[in-house]
Amino acid sequence: MTTTETTEAPPAWNKPPPNIDKDSREFWDGLARHELLLWTCHTCGAQYWPKAYCIKHENEPWAANLSWQPSSGRGKLFAYNVHHWAFHPGFKDEVPYYYALVELDEGPLISATMVGRPPAAGDVGKAVRIAYEDHPEGFTIPHFEFVGD
């Protein structure tokens, strides 16, 4: 799997922390290992984000036929928007920032902030890959960046 790591240390985290609960703990643990995990059906191979029951057939009780599995971390830019206003004071020094909806190669859509160069109108459909931002507070934030830029 190809991944990109942020080379400089991020500033102290002053934003709302990620909501890491029992259902998402394994996903966040995967990010800490620099793996983007998708909720995967062992019966048919369908992959999901966020965690859900498989919609293609009956499921086993307690989602026994599903588990978190590594993905490629690659996809294409599906859509994006530009945030010119910080919804939380911790983001005020980052505006404008670019929030993207990415269609992963495995199928699911996932959203995250774009890093590297900002997207432009002609970039929808271009290849992107995950970039990981590790924080000393004990979590890793996923971002996406254009491939080849």
Protein backbone atom coordinates (compact mmCIF):
# COMPACT_ATOMS: atom_id res chain seq x y z
CA MET A 1 0.00 0.00 0.00
CA THR A 2 1.35 3.44 -0.88
CA THR A 3 0.93 6.04 1.80
CA THR A 4 2.18 9.52 2.43
CA GLU A 5 3.22 10.72 5.84
CA THR A 6 3.34 14.29 7.05
CA THR A 7 7.02 15.11 7.59
CA GLU A 8 6.74 18.03 9.98
CA ALA A 9 5.21 17.72 13.43
CA PRO A 10 1.66 19.04 13.56
CA PRO A 11 0.87 21.81 16.05
CA ALA A 12 -0.78 20.96 19.37
CA TRP A 13 -4.35 19.77 18.77
CA ASN A 14 -6.80 22.56 19.61
CA LYS A 15 -9.77 21.29 17.59
CA PRO A 16 -12.60 18.99 18.64
CA PRO A 17 -11.11 15.50 19.08
CA PRO A 18 -12.26 12.67 16.83
CA ASN A 19 -15.23 10.71 18.12
CA ILE A 20 -13.55 7.37 18.79
CA ASP A 21 -16.11 4.95 20.20
CA LYS A 22 -16.43 1.17 20.53
CA ASP A 23 -17.74 0.82 16.96
CA SER A 24 -14.97 2.90 15.37
CA ARG A 25 -11.97 2.04 17.62
CA GLU A 26 -10.52 -0.51 15.16
CA PHE A 27 -10.80 2.01 12.30
CA TRP A 28 -8.83 4.62 14.30
CA ASP A 29 -6.30 2.00 15.40
CA GLY A 30 -5.77 1.21 11.70
CA LEU A 31 -5.10 4.88 10.95
CA ALA A 32 -2.49 4.92 13.72
CA ARG A 33 -0.75 2.04 11.85
CA HIS A 34 -1.17 4.03 8.59
CA GLU A 35 -3.81 1.65 7.25
CA LEU A 36 -7.17 2.85 5.97
CA LEU A 37 -9.62 0.13 7.00
CA LEU A 38 -13.01 -0.52 5.43
CA TRP A 39 -15.87 -2.53 6.91
CA THR A 40 -15.82 -5.64 4.72
CA CYS A 41 -18.38 -8.41 4.18
CA HIS A 42 -16.81 -11.90 4.21
CA THR A 43 -19.83 -13.34 2.38
CA CYS A 44 -19.78 -11.18 -0.76
CA GLY A 45 -16.74 -8.88 -0.43
CA ALA A 46 -18.70 -5.61 -0.35
CA GLN A 47 -16.87 -2.82 1.51
CA TYR A 48 -18.39 0.01 3.50
CA TRP A 49 -17.59 3.26 5.22
CA PRO A 50 -18.93 3.96 7.75
CA LYS A 51 -19.60 0.67 9.50
CA ALA A 52 -22.92 -0.85 8.38
CA TYR A 53 -24.63 -4.17 7.75
CA CYS A 54 -24.15 -5.54 4.24
CA ILE A 55 -27.06 -4.47 2.04
CA LYS A 56 -26.60 -7.29 -0.50
CA HIS A 57 -27.92 -10.22 1.58
CA GLU A 58 -28.96 -11.37 5.06
CA ASN A 59 -26.34 -10.75 7.73
CA GLU A 60 -25.17 -12.96 10.54
CA PRO A 61 -26.15 -11.88 14.08
CA TRP A 62 -23.92 -9.19 15.58
CA ALA A 63 -22.31 -8.60 12.15
CA ALA A 64 -20.26 -11.79 12.51
CA ASN A 65 -19.77 -11.91 8.72
CA LEU A 66 -18.13 -8.44 8.65
CA SER A 67 -14.81 -7.03 9.86
CA TRP A 68 -12.38 -4.15 9.30
CA GLN A 69 -9.96 -4.91 6.44
CA PRO A 70 -7.17 -2.80 4.85
CA SER A 71 -7.94 -0.83 1.71
CA SER A 72 -5.66 0.64 -0.93
CA GLY A 73 -6.14 4.16 0.42
CA ARG A 74 -6.56 5.31 -3.18
CA GLY A 75 -9.49 6.73 -5.05
CA LYS A 76 -10.65 9.73 -7.02
CA LEU A 77 -11.91 13.15 -6.07
CA PHE A 78 -15.71 12.94 -6.23
CA ALA A 79 -16.54 16.45 -4.99
CA TYR A 80 -15.12 19.16 -2.74
CA ASN A 81 -16.01 22.39 -1.05
CA VAL A 82 -14.03 25.34 0.21
CA HIS A 83 -14.48 26.44 3.82
CA HIS A 84 -13.96 30.19 4.17
CA TRP A 85 -15.27 30.30 7.73
CA ALA A 86 -13.99 28.31 10.71
CA PHE A 87 -16.82 26.41 12.42
CA HIS A 88 -14.56 26.00 15.48
CA PRO A 89 -11.84 28.41 16.73
CA GLY A 90 -9.21 25.69 16.27
CA PHE A 91 -9.63 25.94 12.47
CA LYS A 92 -9.35 29.75 12.20
CA ASP A 93 -5.71 29.72 11.05
CA GLU A 94 -6.45 27.14 8.34
CA VAL A 95 -9.15 28.91 6.33
CA PRO A 96 -9.65 28.57 3.54
CA TYR A 97 -9.43 24.79 3.71
CA TYR A 98 -10.70 22.20 1.26
CA TYR A 99 -12.96 19.37 2.31
CA ALA A 100 -13.29 16.53 -0.16
CA LEU A 101 -15.57 13.62 -0.83
CA VAL A 102 -13.42 10.79 -2.20
CA GLU A 103 -14.68 7.71 -4.01
CA LEU A 104 -12.29 4.98 -2.92
CA ASP A 105 -11.14 2.39 -5.47
CA GLU A 106 -13.04 -0.18 -3.37
CA GLY A 107 -16.30 1.75 -3.82
CA PRO A 108 -17.22 3.60 -0.61
CA LEU A 109 -17.26 7.37 -0.36
CA ILE A 110 -15.25 8.93 2.47
CA SER A 111 -14.69 12.58 3.34
CA ALA A 112 -11.57 14.31 4.62
CA THR A 113 -9.57 17.49 4.25
CA MET A 114 -7.34 17.81 1.18
CA VAL A 115 -3.64 18.51 1.78
CA GLY A 116 -0.92 19.50 -0.66
CA ARG A 117 -2.25 21.67 -3.41
CA PRO A 118 -5.87 22.79 -3.24
CA PRO A 119 -8.35 21.26 -5.70
CA ALA A 120 -9.55 23.26 -8.68
CA ALA A 121 -12.65 22.97 -10.87
CA GLY A 122 -11.03 20.52 -13.31
CA ASP A 123 -9.78 18.16 -10.58
CA VAL A 124 -12.99 16.20 -10.00
CA GLY A 125 -12.23 12.62 -11.05
CA LYS A 126 -8.46 12.92 -10.52
CA ALA A 127 -6.57 10.29 -8.54
CA VAL A 128 -5.99 10.86 -4.83
CA ARG A 129 -4.41 8.87 -2.01
CA ILE A 130 -4.59 8.98 1.74
CA ALA A 131 -2.11 11.01 3.77
CA TYR A 132 -1.77 10.44 7.51
CA GLU A 133 -1.31 13.13 10.16
CA ASP A 134 -0.12 11.63 13.45
CA HIS A 135 -0.76 13.50 16.70
CA PRO A 136 1.00 13.06 20.04
CA GLU A 137 -2.43 13.11 21.68
CA GLY A 138 -2.78 9.52 20.47
CA PHE A 139 -4.72 9.64 17.21
CA THR A 140 -4.08 9.91 13.48
CA ILE A 141 -6.16 12.11 11.18
CA PRO A 142 -6.75 10.98 7.58
CA HIS A 143 -6.38 13.50 4.74
CA PHE A 144 -6.22 13.07 0.98
CA GLU A 145 -3.77 14.45 -1.56
CA PHE A 146 -3.51 14.29 -5.32
CA VAL A 147 -1.37 11.50 -6.78
CA GLY A 148 1.60 12.83 -8.73
CA ASP A 149 1.49 16.37 -7.31
